N, C-alpha and C. Protein backbone atom coordinates (compact mmCIF):
# COMPACT_ATOMS: atom_id res chain seq x y z
N MET A 1 101.00 86.34 -68.76
CA MET A 1 100.95 86.32 -70.20
C MET A 1 101.62 85.03 -70.68
N LEU A 2 101.05 84.43 -71.72
CA LEU A 2 101.60 83.20 -72.29
C LEU A 2 102.81 83.51 -73.16
N LYS A 3 103.82 82.70 -72.99
CA LYS A 3 105.02 82.84 -73.82
C LYS A 3 105.22 81.54 -74.57
N PRO A 4 105.21 81.60 -75.90
CA PRO A 4 105.41 80.35 -76.65
C PRO A 4 106.81 79.81 -76.48
N ASP A 5 106.90 78.49 -76.40
CA ASP A 5 108.21 77.84 -76.31
C ASP A 5 108.90 77.91 -77.65
N ALA A 6 110.13 78.38 -77.66
CA ALA A 6 110.89 78.49 -78.91
C ALA A 6 111.46 77.15 -79.33
N LYS A 7 111.79 76.30 -78.36
CA LYS A 7 112.39 75.02 -78.69
C LYS A 7 111.33 73.92 -78.77
N GLU A 8 111.70 72.86 -79.42
CA GLU A 8 110.82 71.69 -79.54
C GLU A 8 110.70 71.02 -78.18
N ASP A 9 109.49 70.62 -77.82
CA ASP A 9 109.25 70.02 -76.51
C ASP A 9 109.60 68.53 -76.52
N HIS A 10 110.20 68.04 -75.44
CA HIS A 10 110.55 66.62 -75.37
C HIS A 10 109.34 65.72 -75.15
N LEU A 11 108.16 66.31 -74.83
CA LEU A 11 106.94 65.51 -74.65
C LEU A 11 106.08 65.45 -75.91
N LYS A 12 106.56 66.03 -77.00
CA LYS A 12 105.79 66.00 -78.24
C LYS A 12 105.36 64.58 -78.65
N PRO A 13 106.20 63.56 -78.48
CA PRO A 13 105.77 62.21 -78.85
C PRO A 13 104.54 61.71 -78.09
N LEU A 14 104.24 62.33 -76.94
CA LEU A 14 103.07 61.92 -76.15
C LEU A 14 101.80 62.69 -76.50
N GLY A 15 101.96 63.93 -76.98
CA GLY A 15 100.77 64.74 -77.23
C GLY A 15 100.68 65.35 -78.60
N GLY A 16 101.76 65.31 -79.34
CA GLY A 16 101.73 65.83 -80.70
C GLY A 16 101.89 67.33 -80.85
N GLY A 17 101.80 68.07 -79.75
CA GLY A 17 101.88 69.52 -79.82
C GLY A 17 103.25 70.06 -79.47
N LYS A 18 103.44 71.35 -79.71
CA LYS A 18 104.71 72.01 -79.38
C LYS A 18 104.75 72.45 -77.93
N ALA A 19 103.58 72.65 -77.31
CA ALA A 19 103.51 73.15 -75.94
C ALA A 19 103.68 72.00 -74.95
N GLY A 20 104.76 72.06 -74.20
CA GLY A 20 105.06 71.01 -73.24
C GLY A 20 103.99 70.87 -72.16
N GLU A 21 103.44 72.01 -71.70
CA GLU A 21 102.42 71.96 -70.65
C GLU A 21 101.18 71.21 -71.14
N ARG A 22 100.81 71.46 -72.39
CA ARG A 22 99.64 70.81 -72.95
C ARG A 22 99.88 69.31 -73.12
N ASN A 23 101.05 68.95 -73.63
CA ASN A 23 101.37 67.54 -73.81
C ASN A 23 101.39 66.81 -72.47
N ARG A 24 101.97 67.45 -71.45
CA ARG A 24 102.00 66.85 -70.11
C ARG A 24 100.59 66.70 -69.55
N ARG A 25 99.78 67.74 -69.71
CA ARG A 25 98.40 67.68 -69.19
C ARG A 25 97.61 66.58 -69.88
N LEU A 26 97.72 66.48 -71.20
CA LEU A 26 97.00 65.43 -71.94
C LEU A 26 97.44 64.05 -71.45
N ASN A 27 98.73 63.88 -71.28
CA ASN A 27 99.25 62.61 -70.80
C ASN A 27 98.74 62.30 -69.38
N ASP A 28 98.77 63.30 -68.50
CA ASP A 28 98.28 63.11 -67.13
C ASP A 28 96.79 62.77 -67.11
N LEU A 29 96.02 63.47 -67.92
CA LEU A 29 94.58 63.19 -67.99
C LEU A 29 94.31 61.78 -68.49
N ALA A 30 95.04 61.37 -69.52
CA ALA A 30 94.85 60.01 -70.07
C ALA A 30 95.20 58.95 -69.02
N ILE A 31 96.31 59.13 -68.34
CA ILE A 31 96.70 58.14 -67.33
C ILE A 31 95.70 58.10 -66.19
N ASN A 32 95.21 59.26 -65.74
CA ASN A 32 94.23 59.30 -64.65
C ASN A 32 92.87 58.75 -65.07
N ALA A 33 92.61 58.68 -66.37
CA ALA A 33 91.33 58.15 -66.85
C ALA A 33 91.36 56.63 -67.02
N LEU A 34 92.54 56.03 -66.90
CA LEU A 34 92.63 54.57 -67.03
C LEU A 34 91.85 53.90 -65.90
N PRO A 35 91.19 52.77 -66.19
CA PRO A 35 90.42 52.09 -65.14
C PRO A 35 91.25 51.72 -63.92
N ILE A 36 92.52 51.43 -64.11
CA ILE A 36 93.38 50.99 -63.00
C ILE A 36 93.97 52.16 -62.23
N ALA A 37 93.79 53.37 -62.71
CA ALA A 37 94.47 54.54 -62.14
C ALA A 37 94.14 54.79 -60.67
N HIS A 38 93.00 54.36 -60.22
CA HIS A 38 92.60 54.63 -58.84
C HIS A 38 92.72 53.38 -57.96
N SER A 39 93.49 52.43 -58.45
CA SER A 39 93.78 51.21 -57.70
C SER A 39 94.80 51.52 -56.61
N LYS A 40 94.92 50.64 -55.66
CA LYS A 40 95.95 50.80 -54.63
C LYS A 40 97.24 50.10 -55.03
N ASN A 41 97.20 49.39 -56.15
CA ASN A 41 98.36 48.65 -56.62
C ASN A 41 99.22 49.58 -57.48
N LYS A 42 100.21 50.20 -56.84
CA LYS A 42 101.06 51.20 -57.52
C LYS A 42 101.85 50.58 -58.68
N GLU A 43 102.28 49.34 -58.52
CA GLU A 43 103.04 48.69 -59.59
C GLU A 43 102.17 48.49 -60.83
N ALA A 44 100.92 48.09 -60.64
CA ALA A 44 100.01 47.90 -61.77
C ALA A 44 99.70 49.23 -62.46
N ILE A 45 99.55 50.28 -61.66
CA ILE A 45 99.30 51.61 -62.23
C ILE A 45 100.50 52.05 -63.07
N THR A 46 101.70 51.88 -62.53
CA THR A 46 102.91 52.26 -63.25
C THR A 46 103.06 51.47 -64.55
N THR A 47 102.81 50.18 -64.47
CA THR A 47 102.91 49.33 -65.66
C THR A 47 101.93 49.79 -66.74
N ALA A 48 100.69 50.07 -66.34
CA ALA A 48 99.68 50.52 -67.30
C ALA A 48 100.05 51.88 -67.88
N ALA A 49 100.52 52.79 -67.04
CA ALA A 49 100.88 54.13 -67.51
C ALA A 49 102.04 54.07 -68.50
N VAL A 50 103.04 53.25 -68.20
CA VAL A 50 104.18 53.11 -69.12
C VAL A 50 103.73 52.50 -70.44
N ALA A 51 102.86 51.50 -70.37
CA ALA A 51 102.37 50.85 -71.59
C ALA A 51 101.59 51.84 -72.46
N VAL A 52 100.75 52.66 -71.83
CA VAL A 52 99.97 53.64 -72.58
C VAL A 52 100.90 54.69 -73.20
N CYS A 53 101.89 55.15 -72.45
CA CYS A 53 102.83 56.14 -72.98
C CYS A 53 103.63 55.57 -74.14
N ARG A 54 104.11 54.36 -73.99
CA ARG A 54 104.89 53.75 -75.08
C ARG A 54 104.01 53.48 -76.29
N GLY A 55 102.78 53.06 -76.06
CA GLY A 55 101.86 52.85 -77.17
C GLY A 55 101.56 54.15 -77.91
N THR A 56 101.39 55.22 -77.17
CA THR A 56 101.17 56.53 -77.78
C THR A 56 102.37 56.94 -78.60
N MET A 57 103.56 56.74 -78.07
CA MET A 57 104.77 57.10 -78.82
C MET A 57 104.95 56.23 -80.05
N ASP A 58 104.51 54.97 -79.99
CA ASP A 58 104.57 54.11 -81.18
C ASP A 58 103.65 54.61 -82.28
N ILE A 59 102.49 55.10 -81.89
CA ILE A 59 101.55 55.64 -82.88
C ILE A 59 102.05 56.99 -83.40
N ALA A 60 102.78 57.71 -82.59
CA ALA A 60 103.47 58.95 -82.97
C ALA A 60 102.55 60.06 -83.49
N PRO A 61 101.81 60.72 -82.56
CA PRO A 61 100.98 61.84 -83.01
C PRO A 61 101.85 62.97 -83.56
N THR A 62 101.41 63.55 -84.67
CA THR A 62 102.20 64.62 -85.29
C THR A 62 101.61 66.00 -85.03
N ASP A 63 100.41 66.06 -84.47
CA ASP A 63 99.82 67.34 -84.12
C ASP A 63 98.91 67.15 -82.90
N PRO A 64 98.46 68.24 -82.27
CA PRO A 64 97.66 68.13 -81.05
C PRO A 64 96.34 67.36 -81.21
N VAL A 65 95.71 67.48 -82.36
CA VAL A 65 94.44 66.76 -82.57
C VAL A 65 94.70 65.26 -82.58
N GLN A 66 95.74 64.83 -83.25
CA GLN A 66 96.09 63.41 -83.23
C GLN A 66 96.43 62.96 -81.81
N GLY A 67 97.10 63.82 -81.05
CA GLY A 67 97.42 63.50 -79.67
C GLY A 67 96.18 63.26 -78.83
N ILE A 68 95.17 64.11 -79.01
CA ILE A 68 93.90 63.96 -78.29
C ILE A 68 93.22 62.66 -78.68
N LEU A 69 93.13 62.40 -79.97
CA LEU A 69 92.44 61.20 -80.45
C LEU A 69 93.16 59.93 -79.99
N ILE A 70 94.47 59.94 -80.03
CA ILE A 70 95.23 58.77 -79.58
C ILE A 70 95.04 58.56 -78.08
N ALA A 71 95.05 59.63 -77.30
CA ALA A 71 94.84 59.50 -75.85
C ALA A 71 93.45 58.90 -75.57
N GLN A 72 92.44 59.38 -76.28
CA GLN A 72 91.09 58.83 -76.11
C GLN A 72 91.04 57.37 -76.51
N LEU A 73 91.68 57.04 -77.60
CA LEU A 73 91.71 55.66 -78.07
C LEU A 73 92.35 54.74 -77.04
N MET A 74 93.46 55.18 -76.48
CA MET A 74 94.16 54.37 -75.48
C MET A 74 93.28 54.12 -74.25
N VAL A 75 92.66 55.18 -73.75
CA VAL A 75 91.82 55.06 -72.55
C VAL A 75 90.59 54.21 -72.84
N GLU A 76 89.94 54.44 -73.96
CA GLU A 76 88.74 53.66 -74.31
C GLU A 76 89.07 52.19 -74.48
N ASN A 77 90.20 51.90 -75.10
CA ASN A 77 90.61 50.51 -75.28
C ASN A 77 90.85 49.84 -73.94
N GLU A 78 91.57 50.52 -73.05
CA GLU A 78 91.82 49.97 -71.71
C GLU A 78 90.50 49.71 -70.97
N ALA A 79 89.59 50.67 -71.04
CA ALA A 79 88.30 50.53 -70.33
C ALA A 79 87.49 49.38 -70.90
N ALA A 80 87.44 49.27 -72.21
CA ALA A 80 86.67 48.19 -72.84
C ALA A 80 87.26 46.83 -72.47
N LEU A 81 88.57 46.71 -72.52
CA LEU A 81 89.19 45.44 -72.18
C LEU A 81 89.03 45.11 -70.70
N ALA A 82 89.06 46.13 -69.85
CA ALA A 82 88.86 45.89 -68.41
C ALA A 82 87.44 45.39 -68.15
N MET A 83 86.46 45.98 -68.82
CA MET A 83 85.07 45.53 -68.65
C MET A 83 84.90 44.12 -69.18
N TYR A 84 85.51 43.84 -70.33
CA TYR A 84 85.40 42.50 -70.90
C TYR A 84 86.02 41.47 -69.98
N SER A 85 87.18 41.78 -69.42
CA SER A 85 87.86 40.80 -68.57
C SER A 85 87.11 40.56 -67.27
N LYS A 86 86.34 41.53 -66.82
CA LYS A 86 85.56 41.36 -65.60
C LYS A 86 84.23 40.67 -65.85
N GLY A 87 83.80 40.59 -67.12
CA GLY A 87 82.49 40.02 -67.41
C GLY A 87 81.43 40.87 -66.75
N ASP A 88 81.25 42.09 -67.22
CA ASP A 88 80.43 43.08 -66.54
C ASP A 88 78.94 42.77 -66.54
N GLY A 89 78.50 41.64 -67.10
CA GLY A 89 77.09 41.30 -67.04
C GLY A 89 76.29 41.77 -68.23
N ARG A 90 76.92 42.34 -69.23
CA ARG A 90 76.21 42.76 -70.44
C ARG A 90 77.02 42.27 -71.64
N ALA A 91 76.31 41.96 -72.68
CA ALA A 91 76.97 41.55 -73.91
C ALA A 91 76.20 42.13 -75.09
N VAL A 92 76.89 42.48 -76.14
CA VAL A 92 76.22 42.98 -77.33
C VAL A 92 75.93 41.79 -78.21
N ARG A 93 74.66 41.63 -78.56
CA ARG A 93 74.24 40.50 -79.39
C ARG A 93 73.38 41.00 -80.54
N SER A 94 73.33 40.19 -81.55
CA SER A 94 72.43 40.46 -82.67
C SER A 94 71.01 40.15 -82.24
N ASN A 95 70.03 40.83 -82.84
CA ASN A 95 68.62 40.53 -82.55
C ASN A 95 68.25 39.12 -82.99
N HIS A 96 69.04 38.55 -83.87
CA HIS A 96 68.74 37.23 -84.40
C HIS A 96 69.66 36.16 -83.83
N ASP A 97 70.23 36.44 -82.68
CA ASP A 97 71.12 35.50 -82.01
C ASP A 97 70.31 34.30 -81.54
N PRO A 98 70.69 33.08 -81.94
CA PRO A 98 69.92 31.91 -81.52
C PRO A 98 69.98 31.65 -80.02
N CYS A 99 70.94 32.28 -79.31
CA CYS A 99 71.02 32.08 -77.86
C CYS A 99 69.97 32.88 -77.11
N VAL A 100 69.36 33.87 -77.77
CA VAL A 100 68.36 34.70 -77.13
C VAL A 100 66.99 34.14 -77.45
N PRO A 101 66.15 33.88 -76.44
CA PRO A 101 64.81 33.35 -76.72
C PRO A 101 64.03 34.30 -77.62
N PRO A 102 63.12 33.76 -78.48
CA PRO A 102 62.37 34.60 -79.41
C PRO A 102 61.59 35.72 -78.74
N CYS A 103 61.04 35.46 -77.54
CA CYS A 103 60.30 36.54 -76.87
C CYS A 103 61.23 37.67 -76.48
N ARG A 104 62.46 37.35 -76.11
CA ARG A 104 63.45 38.36 -75.76
C ARG A 104 63.87 39.14 -77.00
N GLN A 105 64.01 38.42 -78.15
CA GLN A 105 64.35 39.09 -79.40
C GLN A 105 63.27 40.08 -79.78
N ALA A 106 62.01 39.70 -79.62
CA ALA A 106 60.91 40.60 -79.97
C ALA A 106 60.94 41.84 -79.08
N ALA A 107 61.22 41.67 -77.80
CA ALA A 107 61.29 42.82 -76.89
C ALA A 107 62.44 43.73 -77.28
N ASP A 108 63.57 43.15 -77.66
CA ASP A 108 64.72 43.94 -78.07
C ASP A 108 64.42 44.73 -79.34
N ILE A 109 63.75 44.09 -80.28
CA ILE A 109 63.44 44.76 -81.54
C ILE A 109 62.49 45.93 -81.29
N GLN A 110 61.52 45.74 -80.40
CA GLN A 110 60.57 46.81 -80.10
C GLN A 110 61.25 47.96 -79.38
N SER A 111 62.19 47.64 -78.48
CA SER A 111 62.82 48.71 -77.71
C SER A 111 63.92 49.42 -78.48
N ALA A 112 64.39 48.82 -79.57
CA ALA A 112 65.45 49.44 -80.34
C ALA A 112 65.17 49.31 -81.84
N PRO A 113 64.16 50.03 -82.33
CA PRO A 113 63.82 49.89 -83.74
C PRO A 113 64.97 50.30 -84.65
N GLY A 114 65.20 49.48 -85.65
CA GLY A 114 66.23 49.79 -86.63
C GLY A 114 67.63 49.35 -86.23
N ASN A 115 67.82 49.00 -84.97
CA ASN A 115 69.14 48.55 -84.53
C ASN A 115 69.33 47.09 -84.87
N THR A 116 70.53 46.73 -85.27
CA THR A 116 70.82 45.33 -85.53
C THR A 116 71.52 44.69 -84.33
N GLN A 117 71.99 45.53 -83.40
CA GLN A 117 72.60 45.00 -82.20
C GLN A 117 72.05 45.73 -80.99
N VAL A 118 71.83 44.98 -79.93
CA VAL A 118 71.26 45.53 -78.71
C VAL A 118 72.02 44.96 -77.53
N ALA A 119 72.28 45.77 -76.52
CA ALA A 119 72.91 45.27 -75.29
C ALA A 119 71.87 44.50 -74.50
N VAL A 120 72.15 43.24 -74.22
CA VAL A 120 71.21 42.37 -73.53
C VAL A 120 71.84 41.93 -72.22
N PRO A 121 71.14 42.15 -71.08
CA PRO A 121 71.71 41.69 -69.81
C PRO A 121 71.86 40.17 -69.80
N ILE A 122 72.94 39.69 -69.23
CA ILE A 122 73.15 38.26 -69.08
C ILE A 122 73.50 37.99 -67.62
N THR A 123 73.39 36.74 -67.25
CA THR A 123 73.70 36.38 -65.86
C THR A 123 75.21 36.36 -65.65
N GLU A 124 75.61 36.41 -64.40
CA GLU A 124 77.03 36.38 -64.09
C GLU A 124 77.65 35.05 -64.52
N ALA A 125 76.91 33.96 -64.36
CA ALA A 125 77.42 32.65 -64.77
C ALA A 125 77.63 32.60 -66.27
N GLU A 126 76.70 33.18 -67.03
CA GLU A 126 76.84 33.21 -68.49
C GLU A 126 78.05 34.05 -68.89
N ALA A 127 78.25 35.18 -68.20
CA ALA A 127 79.39 36.04 -68.50
C ALA A 127 80.70 35.29 -68.23
N LYS A 128 80.77 34.57 -67.11
CA LYS A 128 81.98 33.83 -66.77
C LYS A 128 82.23 32.70 -67.77
N SER A 129 81.16 32.09 -68.28
CA SER A 129 81.34 31.00 -69.24
C SER A 129 81.90 31.50 -70.57
N ARG A 130 81.79 32.78 -70.85
CA ARG A 130 82.28 33.34 -72.10
C ARG A 130 83.75 33.78 -72.00
N LEU A 131 84.27 33.88 -70.79
CA LEU A 131 85.65 34.31 -70.63
C LEU A 131 86.58 33.22 -71.13
N PRO A 132 87.71 33.60 -71.72
CA PRO A 132 88.66 32.59 -72.19
C PRO A 132 89.22 31.79 -71.01
N LEU A 133 89.48 30.53 -71.26
CA LEU A 133 90.05 29.69 -70.22
C LEU A 133 91.51 30.06 -70.03
N SER A 134 91.93 30.18 -68.78
CA SER A 134 93.33 30.48 -68.52
C SER A 134 94.09 29.15 -68.44
N THR A 135 95.33 29.19 -68.90
CA THR A 135 96.12 27.96 -68.90
C THR A 135 97.07 27.92 -67.74
C-alpha cells in the first residue's frame, strides 16, 4: 500500500513533486535519456548529469507537471545540440533558400505542401563547413 510522505522531499527541486520516489525516477530517466548517457566516458556523463540537475534546479519546477516539462526540455536541448555539433547530415532550410537548386526546391514543395521549411539532406562536407570554427 502507498503511504504518502508527510515531510517535504529534498528532491523536489529536481522534479517539482512531493513524492521523493517520483522525483528520483524522473531525474534518473532524464539523465539516462541524455545522448552521452551510454558513453564509456564516466567523467563526461557525470558532468552532463550535474549540469542537467543544476539547470533543472535553476528553473525550479513548482509542481510535477513542470518537472516533467523541464526534464523533457533539458533532454531535447542536449540531443539537439549533440546532433548539431556532430553535423548529422541534415539541415532545416527554407523552400526559398538560394543555396538549394530550383529543381530541389520544387521537389521539396511537392513533397511537403504548405510547409515553409523542409529537412533537406546535405553532404558531410557541407555539414562540416557549417560548423563554427574552433579557436
